[in-house]
Amino acid sequence: MEEKHKSRIRSEFRNDIRNTPIHVLDIPDDYQYMEAELVEILVEKTEPLIGLSLT
């Protein structure tokens, strides 16, 4: 997701997500589904946000 997607979600669903944080991970769309490098990046970027260690 990019900042433009975040802005669109905020504008279209303003009331539904009023107090919900939205995080932009800035991962390019250069990966195939479940590609090992993509999974590694996702784990690295999301672990601090969800407070879990998956490794």
PDB file of N, CA and C in Angstrom:
ATOM      1  N   MET A   1       0.848  -1.177   0.000  1.00  0.00           N
ATOM      2  CA  MET A   1       0.000   0.000   0.000  1.00  0.00           C
ATOM      3  C   MET A   1       0.890   1.235   0.000  1.00  0.00           C
ATOM      4  N   GLU A   2       0.465   2.221  -0.719  1.00  0.00           N
ATOM      5  CA  GLU A   2       1.186   3.488  -0.790  1.00  0.00           C
ATOM      6  C   GLU A   2       0.369   4.565  -0.077  1.00  0.00           C
ATOM      7  N   GLU A   3       0.987   5.717   0.129  1.00  0.00           N
ATOM      8  CA  GLU A   3       0.303   6.830   0.801  1.00  0.00           C
ATOM      9  C   GLU A   3      -0.998   7.194   0.094  1.00  0.00           C
ATOM     10  N   LYS A   4      -1.016   7.110  -1.235  1.00  0.00           N
ATOM     11  CA  LYS A   4      -2.239   7.452  -1.962  1.00  0.00           C
ATOM     12  C   LYS A   4      -3.366   6.480  -1.625  1.00  0.00           C
ATOM     13  N   HIS A   5      -3.031   5.209  -1.376  1.00  0.00           N
ATOM     14  CA  HIS A   5      -4.054   4.234  -0.990  1.00  0.00           C
ATOM     15  C   HIS A   5      -4.569   4.538   0.415  1.00  0.00           C
ATOM     16  N   LYS A   6      -3.655   4.897   1.288  1.00  0.00           N
ATOM     17  CA  LYS A   6      -4.038   5.265   2.657  1.00  0.00           C
ATOM     18  C   LYS A   6      -4.998   6.449   2.637  1.00  0.00           C
ATOM     19  N   SER A   7      -4.692   7.447   1.840  1.00  0.00           N
ATOM     20  CA  SER A   7      -5.552   8.630   1.732  1.00  0.00           C
ATOM     21  C   SER A   7      -6.930   8.255   1.203  1.00  0.00           C
ATOM     22  N   ARG A   8      -6.952   7.380   0.235  1.00  0.00           N
ATOM     23  CA  ARG A   8      -8.234   6.959  -0.348  1.00  0.00           C
ATOM     24  C   ARG A   8      -9.071   6.190   0.679  1.00  0.00           C
ATOM     25  N   ILE A   9      -8.439   5.293   1.405  1.00  0.00           N
ATOM     26  CA  ILE A   9      -9.144   4.545   2.444  1.00  0.00           C
ATOM     27  C   ILE A   9      -9.691   5.503   3.494  1.00  0.00           C
ATOM     28  N   ARG A  10      -8.875   6.453   3.925  1.00  0.00           N
ATOM     29  CA  ARG A  10      -9.326   7.433   4.922  1.00  0.00           C
ATOM     30  C   ARG A  10     -10.513   8.250   4.420  1.00  0.00           C
ATOM     31  N   SER A  11     -10.500   8.641   3.154  1.00  0.00           N
ATOM     32  CA  SER A  11     -11.593   9.459   2.648  1.00  0.00           C
ATOM     33  C   SER A  11     -12.869   8.641   2.424  1.00  0.00           C
ATOM     34  N   GLU A  12     -12.736   7.411   1.974  1.00  0.00           N
ATOM     35  CA  GLU A  12     -13.917   6.592   1.678  1.00  0.00           C
ATOM     36  C   GLU A  12     -14.533   5.939   2.911  1.00  0.00           C
ATOM     37  N   PHE A  13     -13.720   5.697   3.935  1.00  0.00           N
ATOM     38  CA  PHE A  13     -14.208   4.982   5.112  1.00  0.00           C
ATOM     39  C   PHE A  13     -13.960   5.766   6.396  1.00  0.00           C
ATOM     40  N   ARG A  14     -14.022   7.066   6.292  1.00  0.00           N
ATOM     41  CA  ARG A  14     -13.707   7.972   7.402  1.00  0.00           C
ATOM     42  C   ARG A  14     -14.369   7.553   8.710  1.00  0.00           C
ATOM     43  N   ASN A  15     -15.653   7.297   8.692  1.00  0.00           N
ATOM     44  CA  ASN A  15     -16.371   6.956   9.932  1.00  0.00           C
ATOM     45  C   ASN A  15     -16.003   5.570  10.451  1.00  0.00           C
ATOM     46  N   ASP A  16     -15.721   4.638   9.561  1.00  0.00           N
ATOM     47  CA  ASP A  16     -15.427   3.266   9.972  1.00  0.00           C
ATOM     48  C   ASP A  16     -14.035   3.115  10.591  1.00  0.00           C
ATOM     49  N   ILE A  17     -13.100   3.966  10.182  1.00  0.00           N
ATOM     50  CA  ILE A  17     -11.716   3.804  10.647  1.00  0.00           C
ATOM     51  C   ILE A  17     -11.233   5.004  11.449  1.00  0.00           C
ATOM     52  N   ARG A  18     -12.138   5.756  11.963  1.00  0.00           N
ATOM     53  CA  ARG A  18     -11.812   7.003  12.663  1.00  0.00           C
ATOM     54  C   ARG A  18     -10.651   6.846  13.645  1.00  0.00           C
ATOM     55  N   ASN A  19     -10.654   5.828  14.468  1.00  0.00           N
ATOM     56  CA  ASN A  19      -9.622   5.651  15.493  1.00  0.00           C
ATOM     57  C   ASN A  19      -8.695   4.470  15.197  1.00  0.00           C
ATOM     58  N   THR A  20      -8.628   4.080  13.944  1.00  0.00           N
ATOM     59  CA  THR A  20      -7.813   2.934  13.543  1.00  0.00           C
ATOM     60  C   THR A  20      -6.551   3.401  12.829  1.00  0.00           C
ATOM     61  N   PRO A  21      -5.390   3.015  13.330  1.00  0.00           N
ATOM     62  CA  PRO A  21      -4.163   3.404  12.634  1.00  0.00           C
ATOM     63  C   PRO A  21      -4.017   2.617  11.329  1.00  0.00           C
ATOM     64  N   ILE A  22      -3.499   3.276  10.330  1.00  0.00           N
ATOM     65  CA  ILE A  22      -3.212   2.642   9.044  1.00  0.00           C
ATOM     66  C   ILE A  22      -1.717   2.827   8.799  1.00  0.00           C
ATOM     67  N   HIS A  23      -1.034   1.734   8.547  1.00  0.00           N
ATOM     68  CA  HIS A  23       0.408   1.772   8.348  1.00  0.00           C
ATOM     69  C   HIS A  23       0.753   1.482   6.890  1.00  0.00           C
ATOM     70  N   VAL A  24       1.549   2.333   6.313  1.00  0.00           N
ATOM     71  CA  VAL A  24       2.046   2.134   4.953  1.00  0.00           C
ATOM     72  C   VAL A  24       3.411   1.474   5.083  1.00  0.00           C
ATOM     73  N   LEU A  25       3.575   0.306   4.480  1.00  0.00           N
ATOM     74  CA  LEU A  25       4.809  -0.447   4.627  1.00  0.00           C
ATOM     75  C   LEU A  25       5.846  -0.119   3.561  1.00  0.00           C
ATOM     76  N   ASP A  26       5.451   0.587   2.525  1.00  0.00           N
ATOM     77  CA  ASP A  26       6.377   0.978   1.457  1.00  0.00           C
ATOM     78  C   ASP A  26       7.139  -0.209   0.879  1.00  0.00           C
ATOM     79  N   ILE A  27       6.405  -1.226   0.481  1.00  0.00           N
ATOM     80  CA  ILE A  27       6.992  -2.392  -0.175  1.00  0.00           C
ATOM     81  C   ILE A  27       6.578  -2.331  -1.646  1.00  0.00           C
ATOM     82  N   PRO A  28       7.542  -2.337  -2.556  1.00  0.00           N
ATOM     83  CA  PRO A  28       7.193  -2.255  -3.972  1.00  0.00           C
ATOM     84  C   PRO A  28       6.440  -3.501  -4.444  1.00  0.00           C
ATOM     85  N   ASP A  29       5.664  -3.354  -5.487  1.00  0.00           N
ATOM     86  CA  ASP A  29       4.884  -4.458  -6.058  1.00  0.00           C
ATOM     87  C   ASP A  29       5.731  -5.285  -7.027  1.00  0.00           C
ATOM     88  N   ASP A  30       6.917  -5.657  -6.599  1.00  0.00           N
ATOM     89  CA  ASP A  30       7.859  -6.377  -7.458  1.00  0.00           C
ATOM     90  C   ASP A  30       7.972  -7.855  -7.103  1.00  0.00           C
ATOM     91  N   TYR A  31       7.109  -8.362  -6.255  1.00  0.00           N
ATOM     92  CA  TYR A  31       7.258  -9.715  -5.738  1.00  0.00           C
ATOM     93  C   TYR A  31       6.091 -10.594  -6.155  1.00  0.00           C
ATOM     94  N   GLN A  32       6.374 -11.877  -6.277  1.00  0.00           N
ATOM     95  CA  GLN A  32       5.337 -12.870  -6.518  1.00  0.00           C
ATOM     96  C   GLN A  32       4.712 -13.256  -5.185  1.00  0.00           C
ATOM     97  N   TYR A  33       3.515 -13.795  -5.231  1.00  0.00           N
ATOM     98  CA  TYR A  33       2.808 -14.252  -4.037  1.00  0.00           C
ATOM     99  C   TYR A  33       3.688 -15.206  -3.231  1.00  0.00           C
ATOM    100  N   MET A  34       3.867 -14.914  -1.962  1.00  0.00           N
ATOM    101  CA  MET A  34       4.613 -15.724  -1.002  1.00  0.00           C
ATOM    102  C   MET A  34       6.088 -15.905  -1.360  1.00  0.00           C
ATOM    103  N   GLU A  35       6.629 -15.028  -2.183  1.00  0.00           N
ATOM    104  CA  GLU A  35       8.059 -15.070  -2.493  1.00  0.00           C
ATOM    105  C   GLU A  35       8.837 -14.905  -1.184  1.00  0.00           C
ATOM    106  N   ALA A  36       9.880 -15.696  -1.024  1.00  0.00           N
ATOM    107  CA  ALA A  36      10.630 -15.734   0.237  1.00  0.00           C
ATOM    108  C   ALA A  36      11.106 -14.344   0.662  1.00  0.00           C
ATOM    109  N   GLU A  37      11.608 -13.562  -0.258  1.00  0.00           N
ATOM    110  CA  GLU A  37      12.093 -12.219   0.085  1.00  0.00           C
ATOM    111  C   GLU A  37      10.947 -11.320   0.552  1.00  0.00           C
ATOM    112  N   LEU A  38       9.799 -11.440  -0.086  1.00  0.00           N
ATOM    113  CA  LEU A  38       8.630 -10.657   0.311  1.00  0.00           C
ATOM    114  C   LEU A  38       8.186 -11.038   1.717  1.00  0.00           C
ATOM    115  N   VAL A  39       8.128 -12.321   1.998  1.00  0.00           N
ATOM    116  CA  VAL A  39       7.718 -12.781   3.333  1.00  0.00           C
ATOM    117  C   VAL A  39       8.674 -12.232   4.387  1.00  0.00           C
ATOM    118  N   GLU A  40       9.956 -12.265   4.085  1.00  0.00           N
ATOM    119  CA  GLU A  40      10.957 -11.738   5.016  1.00  0.00           C
ATOM    120  C   GLU A  40      10.738 -10.246   5.277  1.00  0.00           C
ATOM    121  N   ILE A  41      10.472  -9.483   4.228  1.00  0.00           N
ATOM    122  CA  ILE A  41      10.227  -8.049   4.370  1.00  0.00           C
ATOM    123  C   ILE A  41       8.958  -7.800   5.178  1.00  0.00           C
ATOM    124  N   LEU A  42       7.910  -8.555   4.891  1.00  0.00           N
ATOM    125  CA  LEU A  42       6.653  -8.394   5.618  1.00  0.00           C
ATOM    126  C   LEU A  42       6.827  -8.670   7.106  1.00  0.00           C
ATOM    127  N   VAL A  43       7.538  -9.723   7.426  1.00  0.00           N
ATOM    128  CA  VAL A  43       7.788 -10.053   8.835  1.00  0.00           C
ATOM    129  C   VAL A  43       8.568  -8.923   9.494  1.00  0.00           C
ATOM    130  N   GLU A  44       9.615  -8.469   8.825  1.00  0.00           N
ATOM    131  CA  GLU A  44      10.461  -7.401   9.377  1.00  0.00           C
ATOM    132  C   GLU A  44       9.664  -6.126   9.644  1.00  0.00           C
ATOM    133  N   LYS A  45       8.767  -5.777   8.723  1.00  0.00           N
ATOM    134  CA  LYS A  45       8.038  -4.510   8.848  1.00  0.00           C
ATOM    135  C   LYS A  45       6.816  -4.605   9.757  1.00  0.00           C
ATOM    136  N   THR A  46       6.254  -5.796   9.910  1.00  0.00           N
ATOM    137  CA  THR A  46       5.035  -5.914  10.700  1.00  0.00           C
ATOM    138  C   THR A  46       5.249  -6.355  12.145  1.00  0.00           C
ATOM    139  N   GLU A  47       6.328  -7.051  12.424  1.00  0.00           N
ATOM    140  CA  GLU A  47       6.574  -7.487  13.805  1.00  0.00           C
ATOM    141  C   GLU A  47       6.501  -6.345  14.814  1.00  0.00           C
ATOM    142  N   PRO A  48       7.149  -5.210  14.552  1.00  0.00           N
ATOM    143  CA  PRO A  48       7.055  -4.120  15.536  1.00  0.00           C
ATOM    144  C   PRO A  48       5.642  -3.549  15.675  1.00  0.00           C
ATOM    145  N   LEU A  49       4.846  -3.649  14.633  1.00  0.00           N
ATOM    146  CA  LEU A  49       3.496  -3.089  14.670  1.00  0.00           C
ATOM    147  C   LEU A  49       2.525  -3.969  15.452  1.00  0.00           C
ATOM    148  N   ILE A  50       2.728  -5.273  15.381  1.00  0.00           N
ATOM    149  CA  ILE A  50       1.783  -6.177  16.051  1.00  0.00           C
ATOM    150  C   ILE A  50       2.317  -6.716  17.379  1.00  0.00           C
ATOM    151  N   GLY A  51       3.577  -6.439  17.663  1.00  0.00           N
ATOM    152  CA  GLY A  51       4.132  -6.803  18.948  1.00  0.00           C
ATOM    153  C   GLY A  51       4.410  -8.277  19.112  1.00  0.00           C
ATOM    154  N   LEU A  52       4.623  -8.982  18.012  1.00  0.00           N
ATOM    155  CA  LEU A  52       4.929 -10.404  18.079  1.00  0.00           C
ATOM    156  C   LEU A  52       6.267 -10.657  17.414  1.00  0.00           C
ATOM    157  N   SER A  53       6.920 -11.698  17.832  1.00  0.00           N
ATOM    158  CA  SER A  53       8.135 -12.133  17.160  1.00  0.00           C
ATOM    159  C   SER A  53       7.815 -13.441  16.463  1.00  0.00           C
ATOM    160  N   LEU A  54       7.892 -13.435  15.139  1.00  0.00           N
ATOM    161  CA  LEU A  54       7.562 -14.622  14.358  1.00  0.00           C
ATOM    162  C   LEU A  54       8.794 -15.450  14.034  1.00  0.00           C
ATOM    163  N   THR A  55       9.935 -14.991  14.482  1.00  0.00           N
ATOM    164  CA  THR A  55      11.167 -15.738  14.191  1.00  0.00           C
ATOM    165  C   THR A  55      11.696 -16.417  15.425  1.00  0.00           C
TER     166      THR A  55
END
